[in-house]
Amino acid sequence: MFIMAILVTLIFGSFSYMLLKFPEDFLKMSSFSEKITKKPFLKKYVQFTGWWFLIIVIGIWIIAILSLFE
């Protein structure tokens, strides 16, 4: 279970960090047009997605720690 938690942390944790820390740079790298990337809603959606990835990482670690006591 801990190997899965580490893999999920590496994958989703890196995406979460990128989406939360650098949403403008993420939108610049995306295939969206310049006009769409300037909208503040899209930046908020990218940050919202980053928070969900972080919640997934936290949830996996909670499950991994709880599985120790079973």
PDB file of N, CA and C in Angstrom:
ATOM      1  N   MET A   1       0.828  -1.195   0.000  1.00  0.00           N
ATOM      2  CA  MET A   1       0.000   0.000   0.000  1.00  0.00           C
ATOM      3  C   MET A   1       0.874   1.262   0.000  1.00  0.00           C
ATOM      4  N   PHE A   2       1.996   1.197   0.700  1.00  0.00           N
ATOM      5  CA  PHE A   2       2.843   2.379   0.765  1.00  0.00           C
ATOM      6  C   PHE A   2       3.525   2.664  -0.565  1.00  0.00           C
ATOM      7  N   ILE A   3       3.803   1.620  -1.330  1.00  0.00           N
ATOM      8  CA  ILE A   3       4.386   1.845  -2.663  1.00  0.00           C
ATOM      9  C   ILE A   3       3.393   2.569  -3.547  1.00  0.00           C
ATOM     10  N   MET A   4       2.120   2.187  -3.464  1.00  0.00           N
ATOM     11  CA  MET A   4       1.091   2.874  -4.235  1.00  0.00           C
ATOM     12  C   MET A   4       0.953   4.330  -3.769  1.00  0.00           C
ATOM     13  N   ALA A   5       1.022   4.546  -2.460  1.00  0.00           N
ATOM     14  CA  ALA A   5       0.921   5.910  -1.931  1.00  0.00           C
ATOM     15  C   ALA A   5       2.087   6.769  -2.413  1.00  0.00           C
ATOM     16  N   ILE A   6       3.266   6.187  -2.472  1.00  0.00           N
ATOM     17  CA  ILE A   6       4.435   6.938  -2.954  1.00  0.00           C
ATOM     18  C   ILE A   6       4.284   7.264  -4.440  1.00  0.00           C
ATOM     19  N   LEU A   7       3.820   6.297  -5.227  1.00  0.00           N
ATOM     20  CA  LEU A   7       3.628   6.552  -6.661  1.00  0.00           C
ATOM     21  C   LEU A   7       2.563   7.613  -6.907  1.00  0.00           C
ATOM     22  N   VAL A   8       1.457   7.525  -6.171  1.00  0.00           N
ATOM     23  CA  VAL A   8       0.395   8.535  -6.321  1.00  0.00           C
ATOM     24  C   VAL A   8       0.911   9.899  -5.902  1.00  0.00           C
ATOM     25  N   THR A   9       1.723   9.934  -4.845  1.00  0.00           N
ATOM     26  CA  THR A   9       2.290  11.208  -4.395  1.00  0.00           C
ATOM     27  C   THR A   9       3.202  11.803  -5.458  1.00  0.00           C
ATOM     28  N   LEU A  10       4.021  10.971  -6.068  1.00  0.00           N
ATOM     29  CA  LEU A  10       4.919  11.487  -7.099  1.00  0.00           C
ATOM     30  C   LEU A  10       4.151  12.009  -8.314  1.00  0.00           C
ATOM     31  N   ILE A  11       3.134  11.286  -8.737  1.00  0.00           N
ATOM     32  CA  ILE A  11       2.391  11.693  -9.935  1.00  0.00           C
ATOM     33  C   ILE A  11       1.459  12.865  -9.636  1.00  0.00           C
ATOM     34  N   PHE A  12       0.499  12.648  -8.732  1.00  0.00           N
ATOM     35  CA  PHE A  12      -0.498  13.679  -8.471  1.00  0.00           C
ATOM     36  C   PHE A  12       0.083  14.845  -7.673  1.00  0.00           C
ATOM     37  N   GLY A  13       1.063  14.576  -6.835  1.00  0.00           N
ATOM     38  CA  GLY A  13       1.688  15.650  -6.067  1.00  0.00           C
ATOM     39  C   GLY A  13       2.433  16.630  -6.951  1.00  0.00           C
ATOM     40  N   SER A  14       3.111  16.114  -7.960  1.00  0.00           N
ATOM     41  CA  SER A  14       3.826  17.020  -8.864  1.00  0.00           C
ATOM     42  C   SER A  14       2.851  17.838  -9.706  1.00  0.00           C
ATOM     43  N   PHE A  15       1.769  17.206 -10.165  1.00  0.00           N
ATOM     44  CA  PHE A  15       0.758  17.968 -10.910  1.00  0.00           C
ATOM     45  C   PHE A  15       0.089  19.001 -10.010  1.00  0.00           C
ATOM     46  N   SER A  16      -0.200  18.611  -8.772  1.00  0.00           N
ATOM     47  CA  SER A  16      -0.836  19.539  -7.845  1.00  0.00           C
ATOM     48  C   SER A  16       0.061  20.745  -7.586  1.00  0.00           C
ATOM     49  N   TYR A  17       1.348  20.502  -7.362  1.00  0.00           N
ATOM     50  CA  TYR A  17       2.279  21.604  -7.125  1.00  0.00           C
ATOM     51  C   TYR A  17       2.344  22.529  -8.335  1.00  0.00           C
ATOM     52  N   MET A  18       2.411  21.944  -9.517  1.00  0.00           N
ATOM     53  CA  MET A  18       2.499  22.750 -10.729  1.00  0.00           C
ATOM     54  C   MET A  18       1.226  23.575 -10.936  1.00  0.00           C
ATOM     55  N   LEU A  19       0.077  22.969 -10.716  1.00  0.00           N
ATOM     56  CA  LEU A  19      -1.183  23.682 -10.933  1.00  0.00           C
ATOM     57  C   LEU A  19      -1.423  24.760  -9.888  1.00  0.00           C
ATOM     58  N   LEU A  20      -1.014  24.516  -8.650  1.00  0.00           N
ATOM     59  CA  LEU A  20      -1.248  25.502  -7.594  1.00  0.00           C
ATOM     60  C   LEU A  20      -0.210  26.617  -7.601  1.00  0.00           C
ATOM     61  N   LYS A  21       1.022  26.289  -7.886  1.00  0.00           N
ATOM     62  CA  LYS A  21       2.101  27.272  -7.799  1.00  0.00           C
ATOM     63  C   LYS A  21       2.221  28.111  -9.076  1.00  0.00           C
ATOM     64  N   PHE A  22       2.023  27.501 -10.226  1.00  0.00           N
ATOM     65  CA  PHE A  22       2.241  28.188 -11.504  1.00  0.00           C
ATOM     66  C   PHE A  22       1.064  28.016 -12.457  1.00  0.00           C
ATOM     67  N   PRO A  23      -0.137  28.512 -12.102  1.00  0.00           N
ATOM     68  CA  PRO A  23      -1.279  28.308 -13.013  1.00  0.00           C
ATOM     69  C   PRO A  23      -1.125  29.062 -14.332  1.00  0.00           C
ATOM     70  N   GLU A  24      -0.490  30.247 -14.309  1.00  0.00           N
ATOM     71  CA  GLU A  24      -0.324  31.006 -15.550  1.00  0.00           C
ATOM     72  C   GLU A  24       0.626  30.287 -16.511  1.00  0.00           C
ATOM     73  N   ASP A  25       1.709  29.747 -15.966  1.00  0.00           N
ATOM     74  CA  ASP A  25       2.652  29.021 -16.813  1.00  0.00           C
ATOM     75  C   ASP A  25       2.039  27.746 -17.369  1.00  0.00           C
ATOM     76  N   PHE A  26       1.201  27.087 -16.569  1.00  0.00           N
ATOM     77  CA  PHE A  26       0.517  25.891 -17.057  1.00  0.00           C
ATOM     78  C   PHE A  26      -0.399  26.250 -18.224  1.00  0.00           C
ATOM     79  N   LEU A  27      -1.097  27.376 -18.106  1.00  0.00           N
ATOM     80  CA  LEU A  27      -1.990  27.781 -19.192  1.00  0.00           C
ATOM     81  C   LEU A  27      -1.207  28.205 -20.432  1.00  0.00           C
ATOM     82  N   LYS A  28      -0.019  28.764 -20.249  1.00  0.00           N
ATOM     83  CA  LYS A  28       0.806  29.131 -21.402  1.00  0.00           C
ATOM     84  C   LYS A  28       1.277  27.896 -22.156  1.00  0.00           C
ATOM     85  N   MET A  29       1.542  26.805 -21.426  1.00  0.00           N
ATOM     86  CA  MET A  29       1.995  25.570 -22.068  1.00  0.00           C
ATOM     87  C   MET A  29       0.851  24.799 -22.712  1.00  0.00           C
ATOM     88  N   SER A  30      -0.379  25.116 -22.334  1.00  0.00           N
ATOM     89  CA  SER A  30      -1.517  24.356 -22.844  1.00  0.00           C
ATOM     90  C   SER A  30      -1.809  24.728 -24.292  1.00  0.00           C
ATOM     91  N   SER A  31      -2.705  23.962 -24.897  1.00  0.00           N
ATOM     92  CA  SER A  31      -3.047  24.196 -26.300  1.00  0.00           C
ATOM     93  C   SER A  31      -4.193  25.191 -26.465  1.00  0.00           C
ATOM     94  N   PHE A  32      -4.619  25.824 -25.369  1.00  0.00           N
ATOM     95  CA  PHE A  32      -5.676  26.818 -25.474  1.00  0.00           C
ATOM     96  C   PHE A  32      -5.165  28.053 -26.201  1.00  0.00           C
ATOM     97  N   SER A  33      -6.074  28.764 -26.825  1.00  0.00           N
ATOM     98  CA  SER A  33      -5.667  29.987 -27.514  1.00  0.00           C
ATOM     99  C   SER A  33      -5.346  31.076 -26.485  1.00  0.00           C
ATOM    100  N   GLU A  34      -4.669  32.084 -26.939  1.00  0.00           N
ATOM    101  CA  GLU A  34      -4.252  33.190 -26.059  1.00  0.00           C
ATOM    102  C   GLU A  34      -5.462  33.897 -25.454  1.00  0.00           C
ATOM    103  N   LYS A  35      -6.530  33.992 -26.209  1.00  0.00           N
ATOM    104  CA  LYS A  35      -7.736  34.689 -25.754  1.00  0.00           C
ATOM    105  C   LYS A  35      -8.391  33.943 -24.580  1.00  0.00           C
ATOM    106  N   ILE A  36      -8.398  32.629 -24.645  1.00  0.00           N
ATOM    107  CA  ILE A  36      -9.034  31.841 -23.585  1.00  0.00           C
ATOM    108  C   ILE A  36      -8.184  31.825 -22.325  1.00  0.00           C
ATOM    109  N   THR A  37      -6.865  31.794 -22.467  1.00  0.00           N
ATOM    110  CA  THR A  37      -5.999  31.700 -21.288  1.00  0.00           C
ATOM    111  C   THR A  37      -6.004  32.965 -20.441  1.00  0.00           C
ATOM    112  N   LYS A  38      -6.465  34.066 -20.979  1.00  0.00           N
ATOM    113  CA  LYS A  38      -6.525  35.316 -20.209  1.00  0.00           C
ATOM    114  C   LYS A  38      -7.734  35.377 -19.293  1.00  0.00           C
ATOM    115  N   LYS A  39      -8.683  34.459 -19.445  1.00  0.00           N
ATOM    116  CA  LYS A  39      -9.893  34.495 -18.624  1.00  0.00           C
ATOM    117  C   LYS A  39      -9.572  34.041 -17.202  1.00  0.00           C
ATOM    118  N   PRO A  40     -10.038  34.794 -16.186  1.00  0.00           N
ATOM    119  CA  PRO A  40      -9.728  34.422 -14.801  1.00  0.00           C
ATOM    120  C   PRO A  40     -10.427  33.130 -14.368  1.00  0.00           C
ATOM    121  N   PHE A  41     -11.546  32.789 -15.019  1.00  0.00           N
ATOM    122  CA  PHE A  41     -12.246  31.553 -14.654  1.00  0.00           C
ATOM    123  C   PHE A  41     -11.368  30.333 -14.910  1.00  0.00           C
ATOM    124  N   LEU A  42     -10.649  30.333 -16.011  1.00  0.00           N
ATOM    125  CA  LEU A  42      -9.801  29.195 -16.346  1.00  0.00           C
ATOM    126  C   LEU A  42      -8.658  29.052 -15.340  1.00  0.00           C
ATOM    127  N   LYS A  43      -8.111  30.168 -14.888  1.00  0.00           N
ATOM    128  CA  LYS A  43      -7.053  30.128 -13.870  1.00  0.00           C
ATOM    129  C   LYS A  43      -7.602  29.556 -12.561  1.00  0.00           C
ATOM    130  N   LYS A  44      -8.803  29.956 -12.183  1.00  0.00           N
ATOM    131  CA  LYS A  44      -9.423  29.427 -10.964  1.00  0.00           C
ATOM    132  C   LYS A  44      -9.716  27.937 -11.114  1.00  0.00           C
ATOM    133  N   TYR A  45     -10.119  27.504 -12.312  1.00  0.00           N
ATOM    134  CA  TYR A  45     -10.391  26.092 -12.545  1.00  0.00           C
ATOM    135  C   TYR A  45      -9.109  25.267 -12.448  1.00  0.00           C
ATOM    136  N   VAL A  46      -8.014  25.804 -12.949  1.00  0.00           N
ATOM    137  CA  VAL A  46      -6.728  25.110 -12.858  1.00  0.00           C
ATOM    138  C   VAL A  46      -6.311  24.970 -11.394  1.00  0.00           C
ATOM    139  N   GLN A  47      -6.491  26.017 -10.611  1.00  0.00           N
ATOM    140  CA  GLN A  47      -6.161  25.944  -9.190  1.00  0.00           C
ATOM    141  C   GLN A  47      -7.093  24.983  -8.454  1.00  0.00           C
ATOM    142  N   PHE A  48      -8.363  24.970  -8.816  1.00  0.00           N
ATOM    143  CA  PHE A  48      -9.326  24.039  -8.232  1.00  0.00           C
ATOM    144  C   PHE A  48      -8.915  22.598  -8.510  1.00  0.00           C
ATOM    145  N   THR A  49      -8.478  22.327  -9.732  1.00  0.00           N
ATOM    146  CA  THR A  49      -8.005  20.996 -10.089  1.00  0.00           C
ATOM    147  C   THR A  49      -6.756  20.636  -9.280  1.00  0.00           C
ATOM    148  N   GLY A  50      -5.881  21.592  -9.069  1.00  0.00           N
ATOM    149  CA  GLY A  50      -4.692  21.361  -8.247  1.00  0.00           C
ATOM    150  C   GLY A  50      -5.043  20.987  -6.817  1.00  0.00           C
ATOM    151  N   TRP A  51      -6.058  21.653  -6.255  1.00  0.00           N
ATOM    152  CA  TRP A  51      -6.487  21.307  -4.900  1.00  0.00           C
ATOM    153  C   TRP A  51      -7.067  19.894  -4.849  1.00  0.00           C
ATOM    154  N   TRP A  52      -7.799  19.487  -5.892  1.00  0.00           N
ATOM    155  CA  TRP A  52      -8.347  18.133  -5.914  1.00  0.00           C
ATOM    156  C   TRP A  52      -7.240  17.096  -5.994  1.00  0.00           C
ATOM    157  N   PHE A  53      -6.213  17.364  -6.765  1.00  0.00           N
ATOM    158  CA  PHE A  53      -5.077  16.435  -6.821  1.00  0.00           C
ATOM    159  C   PHE A  53      -4.417  16.325  -5.454  1.00  0.00           C
ATOM    160  N   LEU A  54      -4.313  17.435  -4.744  1.00  0.00           N
ATOM    161  CA  LEU A  54      -3.733  17.415  -3.399  1.00  0.00           C
ATOM    162  C   LEU A  54      -4.608  16.617  -2.438  1.00  0.00           C
ATOM    163  N   ILE A  55      -5.914  16.747  -2.553  1.00  0.00           N
ATOM    164  CA  ILE A  55      -6.836  15.979  -1.714  1.00  0.00           C
ATOM    165  C   ILE A  55      -6.711  14.491  -2.005  1.00  0.00           C
ATOM    166  N   ILE A  56      -6.513  14.124  -3.272  1.00  0.00           N
ATOM    167  CA  ILE A  56      -6.307  12.717  -3.625  1.00  0.00           C
ATOM    168  C   ILE A  56      -5.046  12.176  -2.949  1.00  0.00           C
ATOM    169  N   VAL A  57      -3.979  12.953  -2.971  1.00  0.00           N
ATOM    170  CA  VAL A  57      -2.727  12.527  -2.339  1.00  0.00           C
ATOM    171  C   VAL A  57      -2.921  12.341  -0.833  1.00  0.00           C
ATOM    172  N   ILE A  58      -3.581  13.277  -0.197  1.00  0.00           N
ATOM    173  CA  ILE A  58      -3.822  13.176   1.248  1.00  0.00           C
ATOM    174  C   ILE A  58      -4.682  11.961   1.555  1.00  0.00           C
ATOM    175  N   GLY A  59      -5.704  11.729   0.744  1.00  0.00           N
ATOM    176  CA  GLY A  59      -6.581  10.580   0.963  1.00  0.00           C
ATOM    177  C   GLY A  59      -5.858   9.260   0.822  1.00  0.00           C
ATOM    178  N   ILE A  60      -4.991   9.146  -0.156  1.00  0.00           N
ATOM    179  CA  ILE A  60      -4.229   7.906  -0.327  1.00  0.00           C
ATOM    180  C   ILE A  60      -3.329   7.656   0.876  1.00  0.00           C
ATOM    181  N   TRP A  61      -2.704   8.708   1.407  1.00  0.00           N
ATOM    182  CA  TRP A  61      -1.838   8.519   2.575  1.00  0.00           C
ATOM    183  C   TRP A  61      -2.641   8.158   3.816  1.00  0.00           C
ATOM    184  N   ILE A  62      -3.835   8.712   3.956  1.00  0.00           N
ATOM    185  CA  ILE A  62      -4.685   8.344   5.087  1.00  0.00           C
ATOM    186  C   ILE A  62      -5.065   6.871   5.002  1.00  0.00           C
ATOM    187  N   ILE A  63      -5.428   6.422   3.804  1.00  0.00           N
ATOM    188  CA  ILE A  63      -5.774   5.008   3.625  1.00  0.00           C
ATOM    189  C   ILE A  63      -4.555   4.111   3.895  1.00  0.00           C
ATOM    190  N   ALA A  64      -3.388   4.535   3.440  1.00  0.00           N
ATOM    191  CA  ALA A  64      -2.170   3.733   3.672  1.00  0.00           C
ATOM    192  C   ALA A  64      -1.848   3.632   5.157  1.00  0.00           C
ATOM    193  N   ILE A  65      -1.989   4.719   5.891  1.00  0.00           N
ATOM    194  CA  ILE A  65      -1.696   4.704   7.327  1.00  0.00           C
ATOM    195  C   ILE A  65      -2.743   3.883   8.080  1.00  0.00           C
ATOM    196  N   LEU A  66      -4.030   4.030   7.701  1.00  0.00           N
ATOM    197  CA  LEU A  66      -5.072   3.246   8.356  1.00  0.00           C
ATOM    198  C   LEU A  66      -4.947   1.759   8.072  1.00  0.00           C
ATOM    199  N   SER A  67      -4.399   1.413   6.926  1.00  0.00           N
ATOM    200  CA  SER A  67      -4.244  -0.010   6.610  1.00  0.00           C
ATOM    201  C   SER A  67      -3.187  -0.680   7.489  1.00  0.00           C
ATOM    202  N   LEU A  68      -2.339   0.112   8.123  1.00  0.00           N
ATOM    203  CA  LEU A  68      -1.354  -0.454   9.054  1.00  0.00           C
ATOM    204  C   LEU A  68      -2.029  -1.043  10.294  1.00  0.00           C
ATOM    205  N   PHE A  69      -3.170  -0.481  10.678  1.00  0.00           N
ATOM    206  CA  PHE A  69      -3.815  -0.881  11.915  1.00  0.00           C
ATOM    207  C   PHE A  69      -4.843  -1.992  11.706  1.00  0.00           C
ATOM    208  N   GLU A  70      -5.004  -2.465  10.507  1.00  0.00           N
ATOM    209  CA  GLU A  70      -5.974  -3.538  10.248  1.00  0.00           C
ATOM    210  C   GLU A  70      -5.325  -4.881  10.368  1.00  0.00           C
TER     211      GLU A  70
END
